[in-house]
Amino acid sequence: MSGNVQLLNDTLAAAKSEGRAALIAYLPAGFPTVDGGIEAVKAALDGGADVVEVGLPHSDPVLDGPVIQTADDIALRGGVKIADVMRTVREAHKATGKPILVMTYWNPIDRYGVERFTAELAEAGGAGCILPDLPVQESALWREHADKHGLATVFVVAPSSKDARLAEITAAGSGFVYAASLMGVTGTRESVGAQAEDLVRRTRATTDTPVCVGLGVSNAAQAAEVAGFADGVIVGSAFVKRMLDAPDDAAGVEGVRALAADLAKGVRGQA
């Protein structure tokens, strides 16, 4: 069974052909429950997201800010397992036909087994993995199995990354490059900043792979701003906050759907 890296590539290319950036949503698996998380992912895609990153909740999430940490804690206390992450990918992809990636730190994959993880993710219809803490120079085993199973390997670059380092990272990755808009952890911010635009420019000088920007985007105006210079706009904390602030799970899912629709207008310049 081959994964859906080609679907991811085609989806990003289709957005570009429409003269717009892709909208990429992030939601953790198992939050607020496994079933509730699946409904939230489907709502984001139905609302207008082109791609979803499903987070694998982790007890020590170094890149994630307080909003996502809170959601991860709820999911972990609920007993979420890697099998639940795979189920989330499978059901969301089956329902929408859109590309779903998993965003995870390396330790859970290492413990689970690289071959087992990649085979199960491909079988579930996954498009690939975002691996924020896996150094490129230590990624050969992962990339071998990801390539074998038709999965993208998305690495994260940061404003601190030197040009030579950017070239090393982009040469090893596939699907898209995740450009962290600023140094620090995830979370909504008042502005996304000029650092992101400079990072996209420098990253593009090393690769034809799409460059998508995350960390800080929370509304349609910010999405439109980032869409002006990036191939994709990644939004996470704002979706999770809609779920956390909702009076019940059903309202949270509708909040996710509404935010996706609003952000979809932003990346199309209709905000």
C-alpha atoms as a PDB file:
ATOM      1  CA  MET A   1       0.000   0.000   0.000  1.00  0.00           C
ATOM      2  CA  SER A   2       1.462   3.331  -1.054  1.00  0.00           C
ATOM      3  CA  GLY A   3       0.910   6.590   0.774  1.00  0.00           C
ATOM      4  CA  ASN A   4      -0.437   9.777  -0.714  1.00  0.00           C
ATOM      5  CA  VAL A   5       2.622  11.964  -1.282  1.00  0.00           C
ATOM      6  CA  GLN A   6       1.464  12.477  -4.870  1.00  0.00           C
ATOM      7  CA  LEU A   7      -1.933  13.692  -3.669  1.00  0.00           C
ATOM      8  CA  LEU A   8      -0.143  16.234  -1.465  1.00  0.00           C
ATOM      9  CA  ASN A   9       2.032  17.377  -4.378  1.00  0.00           C
ATOM     10  CA  ASP A  10      -0.998  17.651  -6.669  1.00  0.00           C
ATOM     11  CA  THR A  11      -3.006  19.572  -4.061  1.00  0.00           C
ATOM     12  CA  LEU A  12      -0.264  22.158  -3.557  1.00  0.00           C
ATOM     13  CA  ALA A  13       0.227  22.451  -7.326  1.00  0.00           C
ATOM     14  CA  ALA A  14      -3.520  22.932  -7.841  1.00  0.00           C
ATOM     15  CA  ALA A  15      -3.584  25.792  -5.329  1.00  0.00           C
ATOM     16  CA  LYS A  16      -0.644  27.406  -7.109  1.00  0.00           C
ATOM     17  CA  SER A  17      -2.408  27.031 -10.473  1.00  0.00           C
ATOM     18  CA  GLU A  18      -5.346  28.931  -8.972  1.00  0.00           C
ATOM     19  CA  GLY A  19      -2.979  31.764  -8.059  1.00  0.00           C
ATOM     20  CA  ARG A  20      -3.272  31.246  -4.321  1.00  0.00           C
ATOM     21  CA  ALA A  21      -1.592  29.693  -1.321  1.00  0.00           C
ATOM     22  CA  ALA A  22      -2.816  26.406   0.124  1.00  0.00           C
ATOM     23  CA  LEU A  23      -4.500  26.401   3.529  1.00  0.00           C
ATOM     24  CA  ILE A  24      -3.015  23.812   5.892  1.00  0.00           C
ATOM     25  CA  ALA A  25      -4.755  23.192   9.222  1.00  0.00           C
ATOM     26  CA  TYR A  26      -3.287  21.513  12.288  1.00  0.00           C
ATOM     27  CA  LEU A  27      -5.329  19.618  14.872  1.00  0.00           C
ATOM     28  CA  PRO A  28      -4.131  17.063  17.438  1.00  0.00           C
ATOM     29  CA  ALA A  29      -5.512  13.530  17.385  1.00  0.00           C
ATOM     30  CA  GLY A  30      -7.546  12.489  20.415  1.00  0.00           C
ATOM     31  CA  PHE A  31      -8.713  16.013  21.237  1.00  0.00           C
ATOM     32  CA  PRO A  32     -11.204  16.479  22.781  1.00  0.00           C
ATOM     33  CA  THR A  33     -11.750  12.731  22.232  1.00  0.00           C
ATOM     34  CA  VAL A  34     -10.653  10.437  19.419  1.00  0.00           C
ATOM     35  CA  ASP A  35     -14.077  10.659  17.738  1.00  0.00           C
ATOM     36  CA  GLY A  36     -14.296  14.393  18.403  1.00  0.00           C
ATOM     37  CA  GLY A  37     -10.852  14.914  16.920  1.00  0.00           C
ATOM     38  CA  ILE A  38     -11.833  13.051  13.750  1.00  0.00           C
ATOM     39  CA  GLU A  39     -14.911  15.253  13.384  1.00  0.00           C
ATOM     40  CA  ALA A  40     -12.786  18.371  13.880  1.00  0.00           C
ATOM     41  CA  VAL A  41     -10.315  17.321  11.175  1.00  0.00           C
ATOM     42  CA  LYS A  42     -13.151  16.586   8.760  1.00  0.00           C
ATOM     43  CA  ALA A  43     -14.734  19.966   9.608  1.00  0.00           C
ATOM     44  CA  ALA A  44     -11.485  21.804   8.842  1.00  0.00           C
ATOM     45  CA  LEU A  45     -11.274  20.094   5.455  1.00  0.00           C
ATOM     46  CA  ASP A  46     -14.963  20.586   4.688  1.00  0.00           C
ATOM     47  CA  GLY A  47     -14.667  24.234   5.695  1.00  0.00           C
ATOM     48  CA  GLY A  48     -11.923  24.948   3.195  1.00  0.00           C
ATOM     49  CA  ALA A  49      -8.548  23.580   4.345  1.00  0.00           C
ATOM     50  CA  ASP A  50      -6.616  21.918   1.526  1.00  0.00           C
ATOM     51  CA  VAL A  51      -4.434  19.805   3.804  1.00  0.00           C
ATOM     52  CA  VAL A  52      -4.514  18.811   7.481  1.00  0.00           C
ATOM     53  CA  GLU A  53      -1.644  18.004   9.798  1.00  0.00           C
ATOM     54  CA  VAL A  54      -2.796  15.597  12.514  1.00  0.00           C
ATOM     55  CA  GLY A  55      -0.706  16.060  15.632  1.00  0.00           C
ATOM     56  CA  LEU A  56       0.529  13.037  17.555  1.00  0.00           C
ATOM     57  CA  PRO A  57       0.188  14.248  21.161  1.00  0.00           C
ATOM     58  CA  HIS A  58       3.450  14.259  23.068  1.00  0.00           C
ATOM     59  CA  SER A  59       4.254  14.812  26.737  1.00  0.00           C
ATOM     60  CA  ASP A  60       7.171  17.155  25.983  1.00  0.00           C
ATOM     61  CA  PRO A  61       6.192  19.171  22.892  1.00  0.00           C
ATOM     62  CA  VAL A  62       9.163  21.494  22.366  1.00  0.00           C
ATOM     63  CA  LEU A  63       7.680  23.406  19.398  1.00  0.00           C
ATOM     64  CA  ASP A  64       4.137  23.733  20.720  1.00  0.00           C
ATOM     65  CA  GLY A  65       2.835  26.668  22.717  1.00  0.00           C
ATOM     66  CA  PRO A  66       0.385  26.612  25.622  1.00  0.00           C
ATOM     67  CA  VAL A  67      -2.794  26.196  23.558  1.00  0.00           C
ATOM     68  CA  ILE A  68      -1.613  23.040  21.787  1.00  0.00           C
ATOM     69  CA  GLN A  69       0.067  21.779  24.969  1.00  0.00           C
ATOM     70  CA  THR A  70      -3.314  21.999  26.712  1.00  0.00           C
ATOM     71  CA  ALA A  71      -4.996  20.006  23.940  1.00  0.00           C
ATOM     72  CA  ASP A  72      -2.189  17.426  23.940  1.00  0.00           C
ATOM     73  CA  ASP A  73      -2.569  17.010  27.689  1.00  0.00           C
ATOM     74  CA  ILE A  74      -6.309  16.387  27.324  1.00  0.00           C
ATOM     75  CA  ALA A  75      -5.651  13.829  24.576  1.00  0.00           C
ATOM     76  CA  LEU A  76      -2.936  12.047  26.554  1.00  0.00           C
ATOM     77  CA  ARG A  77      -5.082  11.907  29.692  1.00  0.00           C
ATOM     78  CA  GLY A  78      -7.788  10.423  27.485  1.00  0.00           C
ATOM     79  CA  GLY A  79      -5.401   7.601  26.593  1.00  0.00           C
ATOM     80  CA  VAL A  80      -4.737   8.460  22.920  1.00  0.00           C
ATOM     81  CA  LYS A  81      -2.495   5.938  21.169  1.00  0.00           C
ATOM     82  CA  ILE A  82      -0.685   5.849  17.825  1.00  0.00           C
ATOM     83  CA  ALA A  83      -3.467   3.554  16.582  1.00  0.00           C
ATOM     84  CA  ASP A  84      -5.908   6.420  17.240  1.00  0.00           C
ATOM     85  CA  VAL A  85      -3.717   8.775  15.225  1.00  0.00           C
ATOM     86  CA  MET A  86      -3.763   6.311  12.319  1.00  0.00           C
ATOM     87  CA  ARG A  87      -7.537   5.969  12.633  1.00  0.00           C
ATOM     88  CA  THR A  88      -7.892   9.760  12.548  1.00  0.00           C
ATOM     89  CA  VAL A  89      -5.850   9.918   9.333  1.00  0.00           C
ATOM     90  CA  ARG A  90      -7.755   7.032   7.768  1.00  0.00           C
ATOM     91  CA  GLU A  91     -11.260   8.308   8.511  1.00  0.00           C
ATOM     92  CA  ALA A  92     -10.536  11.932   7.614  1.00  0.00           C
ATOM     93  CA  HIS A  93      -8.912  10.994   4.317  1.00  0.00           C
ATOM     94  CA  LYS A  94     -11.640   8.505   3.459  1.00  0.00           C
ATOM     95  CA  ALA A  95     -14.357  11.094   4.156  1.00  0.00           C
ATOM     96  CA  THR A  96     -12.757  13.988   2.256  1.00  0.00           C
ATOM     97  CA  GLY A  97     -10.233  12.600  -0.218  1.00  0.00           C
ATOM     98  CA  LYS A  98      -7.779  15.292   0.896  1.00  0.00           C
ATOM     99  CA  PRO A  99      -4.151  14.836   1.978  1.00  0.00           C
ATOM    100  CA  ILE A 100      -3.505  14.229   5.676  1.00  0.00           C
ATOM    101  CA  LEU A 101      -0.072  14.339   7.282  1.00  0.00           C
ATOM    102  CA  VAL A 102       1.043  13.456  10.785  1.00  0.00           C
ATOM    103  CA  MET A 103       3.093  15.948  12.764  1.00  0.00           C
ATOM    104  CA  THR A 104       5.137  14.196  15.412  1.00  0.00           C
ATOM    105  CA  TYR A 105       8.303  14.339  17.394  1.00  0.00           C
ATOM    106  CA  TRP A 106      10.798  11.604  16.658  1.00  0.00           C
ATOM    107  CA  ASN A 107      10.716   9.696  19.933  1.00  0.00           C
ATOM    108  CA  PRO A 108       7.255   8.080  19.471  1.00  0.00           C
ATOM    109  CA  ILE A 109       8.205   6.850  15.984  1.00  0.00           C
ATOM    110  CA  ASP A 110      11.544   5.552  17.199  1.00  0.00           C
ATOM    111  CA  ARG A 111       9.822   3.588  19.967  1.00  0.00           C
ATOM    112  CA  TYR A 112       7.051   2.318  17.693  1.00  0.00           C
ATOM    113  CA  GLY A 113       9.414   1.299  14.903  1.00  0.00           C
ATOM    114  CA  VAL A 114      10.064   3.220  11.693  1.00  0.00           C
ATOM    115  CA  GLU A 115       8.995   0.435   9.336  1.00  0.00           C
ATOM    116  CA  ARG A 116       5.805  -0.238  11.291  1.00  0.00           C
ATOM    117  CA  PHE A 117       4.911   3.457  11.536  1.00  0.00           C
ATOM    118  CA  THR A 118       5.471   4.234   7.844  1.00  0.00           C
ATOM    119  CA  ALA A 119       3.659   1.096   6.688  1.00  0.00           C
ATOM    120  CA  GLU A 120       0.634   1.852   8.882  1.00  0.00           C
ATOM    121  CA  LEU A 121       0.538   5.525   7.888  1.00  0.00           C
ATOM    122  CA  ALA A 122       0.611   4.603   4.194  1.00  0.00           C
ATOM    123  CA  GLU A 123      -2.094   1.971   4.727  1.00  0.00           C
ATOM    124  CA  ALA A 124      -4.242   4.622   6.423  1.00  0.00           C
ATOM    125  CA  GLY A 125      -3.971   6.858   3.358  1.00  0.00           C
ATOM    126  CA  GLY A 126      -1.545   9.311   4.946  1.00  0.00           C
ATOM    127  CA  ALA A 127       0.473  11.683   2.789  1.00  0.00           C
ATOM    128  CA  GLY A 128       3.545  11.984   4.979  1.00  0.00           C
ATOM    129  CA  CYS A 129       5.059  13.289   8.195  1.00  0.00           C
ATOM    130  CA  ILE A 130       6.292  16.575   9.592  1.00  0.00           C
ATOM    131  CA  LEU A 131       9.224  15.899  11.893  1.00  0.00           C
ATOM    132  CA  PRO A 132      10.235  19.099  13.704  1.00  0.00           C
ATOM    133  CA  ASP A 133      12.978  17.609  15.865  1.00  0.00           C
ATOM    134  CA  LEU A 134      14.560  15.039  13.521  1.00  0.00           C
ATOM    135  CA  PRO A 135      17.958  16.332  12.328  1.00  0.00           C
ATOM    136  CA  VAL A 136      18.439  15.887   8.589  1.00  0.00           C
ATOM    137  CA  GLN A 137      21.793  14.181   9.125  1.00  0.00           C
ATOM    138  CA  GLU A 138      20.051  11.521  11.251  1.00  0.00           C
ATOM    139  CA  SER A 139      17.059  11.029   8.938  1.00  0.00           C
ATOM    140  CA  ALA A 140      18.325   8.463   6.425  1.00  0.00           C
ATOM    141  CA  LEU A 141      16.469   5.503   7.977  1.00  0.00           C
ATOM    142  CA  TRP A 142      13.204   7.440   8.145  1.00  0.00           C
ATOM    143  CA  ARG A 143      13.513   8.736   4.571  1.00  0.00           C
ATOM    144  CA  GLU A 144      14.295   5.263   3.237  1.00  0.00           C
ATOM    145  CA  HIS A 145      11.054   3.869   4.669  1.00  0.00           C
ATOM    146  CA  ALA A 146       9.007   6.990   3.858  1.00  0.00           C
ATOM    147  CA  ASP A 147      10.119   6.825   0.214  1.00  0.00           C
ATOM    148  CA  LYS A 148       9.363   3.112   0.065  1.00  0.00           C
ATOM    149  CA  HIS A 149       5.820   3.754   1.299  1.00  0.00           C
ATOM    150  CA  GLY A 150       5.056   6.879  -0.747  1.00  0.00           C
ATOM    151  CA  LEU A 151       5.172   9.354   2.140  1.00  0.00           C
ATOM    152  CA  ALA A 152       6.451  12.926   2.195  1.00  0.00           C
ATOM    153  CA  THR A 153       9.135  13.965   4.672  1.00  0.00           C
ATOM    154  CA  VAL A 154       8.554  17.566   5.742  1.00  0.00           C
ATOM    155  CA  PHE A 155      11.364  19.284   7.625  1.00  0.00           C
ATOM    156  CA  VAL A 156      11.134  22.548   9.541  1.00  0.00           C
ATOM    157  CA  VAL A 157      13.359  25.540   8.802  1.00  0.00           C
ATOM    158  CA  ALA A 158      13.668  28.604  11.026  1.00  0.00           C
ATOM    159  CA  PRO A 159      14.821  32.218  10.621  1.00  0.00           C
ATOM    160  CA  SER A 160      18.075  31.234  12.334  1.00  0.00           C
ATOM    161  CA  SER A 161      18.851  28.645   9.618  1.00  0.00           C
ATOM    162  CA  LYS A 162      21.898  29.661   7.568  1.00  0.00           C
ATOM    163  CA  ASP A 163      21.679  29.415   3.772  1.00  0.00           C
ATOM    164  CA  ALA A 164      23.930  26.347   3.565  1.00  0.00           C
ATOM    165  CA  ARG A 165      21.799  24.636   6.206  1.00  0.00           C
ATOM    166  CA  LEU A 166      18.623  25.526   4.295  1.00  0.00           C
ATOM    167  CA  ALA A 167      20.045  23.878   1.182  1.00  0.00           C
ATOM    168  CA  GLU A 168      20.894  20.734   3.159  1.00  0.00           C
ATOM    169  CA  ILE A 169      17.396  20.544   4.653  1.00  0.00           C
ATOM    170  CA  THR A 170      15.478  21.220   1.444  1.00  0.00           C
ATOM    171  CA  ALA A 171      17.538  18.692  -0.520  1.00  0.00           C
ATOM    172  CA  ALA A 172      16.487  15.964   1.929  1.00  0.00           C
ATOM    173  CA  GLY A 173      12.805  16.871   2.310  1.00  0.00           C
ATOM    174  CA  SER A 174       9.740  16.349   0.153  1.00  0.00           C
ATOM    175  CA  GLY A 175       6.119  17.489  -0.023  1.00  0.00           C
ATOM    176  CA  PHE A 176       6.760  20.975   1.270  1.00  0.00           C
ATOM    177  CA  VAL A 177       9.127  22.883   3.530  1.00  0.00           C
ATOM    178  CA  TYR A 178       7.651  24.031   6.854  1.00  0.00           C
ATOM    179  CA  ALA A 179       8.987  27.538   7.452  1.00  0.00           C
ATOM    180  CA  ALA A 180       8.627  28.573  11.100  1.00  0.00           C
ATOM    181  CA  SER A 181       7.825  32.273  10.861  1.00  0.00           C
ATOM    182  CA  LEU A 182       9.759  33.223  13.976  1.00  0.00           C
ATOM    183  CA  MET A 183      11.884  31.787  16.714  1.00  0.00           C
ATOM    184  CA  GLY A 184       9.823  30.301  19.527  1.00  0.00           C
ATOM    185  CA  VAL A 185       6.793  28.099  20.043  1.00  0.00           C
ATOM    186  CA  THR A 186       3.434  27.929  18.309  1.00  0.00           C
ATOM    187  CA  GLY A 187       0.640  30.321  19.195  1.00  0.00           C
ATOM    188  CA  THR A 188      -1.440  33.090  17.700  1.00  0.00           C
ATOM    189  CA  ARG A 189       0.234  36.470  17.356  1.00  0.00           C
ATOM    190  CA  GLU A 190      -0.663  40.026  16.415  1.00  0.00           C
ATOM    191  CA  SER A 191       1.639  39.975  13.398  1.00  0.00           C
ATOM    192  CA  VAL A 192       3.535  37.302  11.544  1.00  0.00           C
ATOM    193  CA  GLY A 193       6.470  39.568  10.751  1.00  0.00           C
ATOM    194  CA  ALA A 194       9.052  40.245   8.088  1.00  0.00           C
ATOM    195  CA  GLN A 195      11.258  37.367   9.257  1.00  0.00           C
ATOM    196  CA  ALA A 196       8.894  34.912   7.596  1.00  0.00           C
ATOM    197  CA  GLU A 197       9.039  36.600   4.194  1.00  0.00           C
ATOM    198  CA  ASP A 198      12.841  36.680   4.291  1.00  0.00           C
ATOM    199  CA  LEU A 199      12.971  33.007   5.304  1.00  0.00           C
ATOM    200  CA  VAL A 200      10.667  32.027   2.428  1.00  0.00           C
ATOM    201  CA  ARG A 201      12.824  33.975  -0.026  1.00  0.00           C
ATOM    202  CA  ARG A 202      16.023  32.334   1.214  1.00  0.00           C
ATOM    203  CA  THR A 203      14.445  28.861   1.265  1.00  0.00           C
ATOM    204  CA  ARG A 204      13.077  29.207  -2.259  1.00  0.00           C
ATOM    205  CA  ALA A 205      16.581  30.027  -3.475  1.00  0.00           C
ATOM    206  CA  THR A 206      17.526  26.432  -2.590  1.00  0.00           C
ATOM    207  CA  THR A 207      14.529  24.428  -3.858  1.00  0.00           C
ATOM    208  CA  ASP A 208      11.455  24.184  -6.089  1.00  0.00           C
ATOM    209  CA  THR A 209       9.569  22.426  -3.266  1.00  0.00           C
ATOM    210  CA  PRO A 210       6.647  24.549  -1.970  1.00  0.00           C
ATOM    211  CA  VAL A 211       7.414  26.615   1.121  1.00  0.00           C
ATOM    212  CA  CYS A 212       4.583  26.867   3.660  1.00  0.00           C
ATOM    213  CA  VAL A 213       4.616  29.208   6.654  1.00  0.00           C
ATOM    214  CA  GLY A 214       3.399  28.369  10.143  1.00  0.00           C
ATOM    215  CA  LEU A 215       3.512  29.791  13.693  1.00  0.00           C
ATOM    216  CA  GLY A 216       1.357  32.775  14.465  1.00  0.00           C
ATOM    217  CA  VAL A 217      -1.396  32.917  11.811  1.00  0.00           C
ATOM    218  CA  SER A 218      -4.839  33.156  13.413  1.00  0.00           C
ATOM    219  CA  ASN A 219      -7.176  35.132  11.142  1.00  0.00           C
ATOM    220  CA  ALA A 220      -8.056  35.772   7.507  1.00  0.00           C
ATOM    221  CA  ALA A 221      -6.086  39.031   7.290  1.00  0.00           C
ATOM    222  CA  GLN A 222      -2.897  37.335   8.507  1.00  0.00           C
ATOM    223  CA  ALA A 223      -3.568  34.394   6.175  1.00  0.00           C
ATOM    224  CA  ALA A 224      -3.863  36.827   3.258  1.00  0.00           C
ATOM    225  CA  GLU A 225      -0.608  38.510   4.282  1.00  0.00           C
ATOM    226  CA  VAL A 226       1.319  35.241   4.408  1.00  0.00           C
ATOM    227  CA  ALA A 227      -0.362  33.973   1.225  1.00  0.00           C
ATOM    228  CA  GLY A 228       1.201  36.954  -0.523  1.00  0.00           C
ATOM    229  CA  PHE A 229       4.669  35.432  -0.260  1.00  0.00           C
ATOM    230  CA  ALA A 230       4.305  31.727   0.705  1.00  0.00           C
ATOM    231  CA  ASP A 231       2.981  28.636  -1.079  1.00  0.00           C
ATOM    232  CA  GLY A 232       0.943  27.586   1.934  1.00  0.00           C
ATOM    233  CA  VAL A 233      -0.400  29.031   5.175  1.00  0.00           C
ATOM    234  CA  ILE A 234      -0.309  26.740   8.226  1.00  0.00           C
ATOM    235  CA  VAL A 235      -2.737  27.411  11.082  1.00  0.00           C
ATOM    236  CA  GLY A 236      -2.822  25.385  14.287  1.00  0.00           C
ATOM    237  CA  SER A 237      -3.330  27.156  17.593  1.00  0.00           C
ATOM    238  CA  ALA A 238      -6.278  29.204  16.304  1.00  0.00           C
ATOM    239  CA  PHE A 239      -8.160  25.991  15.413  1.00  0.00           C
ATOM    240  CA  VAL A 240      -7.340  24.369  18.736  1.00  0.00           C
ATOM    241  CA  LYS A 241      -8.425  27.522  20.594  1.00  0.00           C
ATOM    242  CA  ARG A 242     -11.829  27.361  18.881  1.00  0.00           C
ATOM    243  CA  MET A 243     -12.214  23.860  20.292  1.00  0.00           C
ATOM    244  CA  LEU A 244     -10.983  24.790  23.773  1.00  0.00           C
ATOM    245  CA  ASP A 245     -13.221  27.879  24.015  1.00  0.00           C
ATOM    246  CA  ALA A 246     -16.393  26.169  22.748  1.00  0.00           C
ATOM    247  CA  PRO A 247     -19.187  25.341  25.220  1.00  0.00           C
ATOM    248  CA  ASP A 248     -19.358  21.763  23.917  1.00  0.00           C
ATOM    249  CA  ASP A 249     -17.718  19.482  21.366  1.00  0.00           C
ATOM    250  CA  ALA A 250     -20.320  20.072  18.647  1.00  0.00           C
ATOM    251  CA  ALA A 251     -19.876  23.845  18.917  1.00  0.00           C
ATOM    252  CA  GLY A 252     -16.127  23.356  18.754  1.00  0.00           C
ATOM    253  CA  VAL A 253     -16.384  21.399  15.522  1.00  0.00           C
ATOM    254  CA  GLU A 254     -18.576  24.121  14.004  1.00  0.00           C
ATOM    255  CA  GLY A 255     -16.067  26.722  15.180  1.00  0.00           C
ATOM    256  CA  VAL A 256     -13.326  24.853  13.335  1.00  0.00           C
ATOM    257  CA  ARG A 257     -15.446  24.701  10.186  1.00  0.00           C
ATOM    258  CA  ALA A 258     -16.196  28.444  10.354  1.00  0.00           C
ATOM    259  CA  LEU A 259     -12.555  29.391  10.933  1.00  0.00           C
ATOM    260  CA  ALA A 260     -11.447  27.220   8.005  1.00  0.00           C
ATOM    261  CA  ALA A 261     -13.977  28.976   5.767  1.00  0.00           C
ATOM    262  CA  ASP A 262     -12.727  32.380   6.923  1.00  0.00           C
ATOM    263  CA  LEU A 263      -9.066  31.468   6.423  1.00  0.00           C
ATOM    264  CA  ALA A 264      -9.866  29.952   3.014  1.00  0.00           C
ATOM    265  CA  LYS A 265     -11.129  33.375   1.961  1.00  0.00           C
ATOM    266  CA  GLY A 266      -7.914  34.876   3.286  1.00  0.00           C
ATOM    267  CA  VAL A 267      -5.613  32.696   1.193  1.00  0.00           C
ATOM    268  CA  ARG A 268      -7.759  33.560  -1.846  1.00  0.00           C
ATOM    269  CA  GLY A 269      -7.455  37.297  -1.186  1.00  0.00           C
ATOM    270  CA  GLN A 270     -11.180  37.578  -0.380  1.00  0.00           C
ATOM    271  CA  ALA A 271     -10.798  38.541   3.304  1.00  0.00           C
END
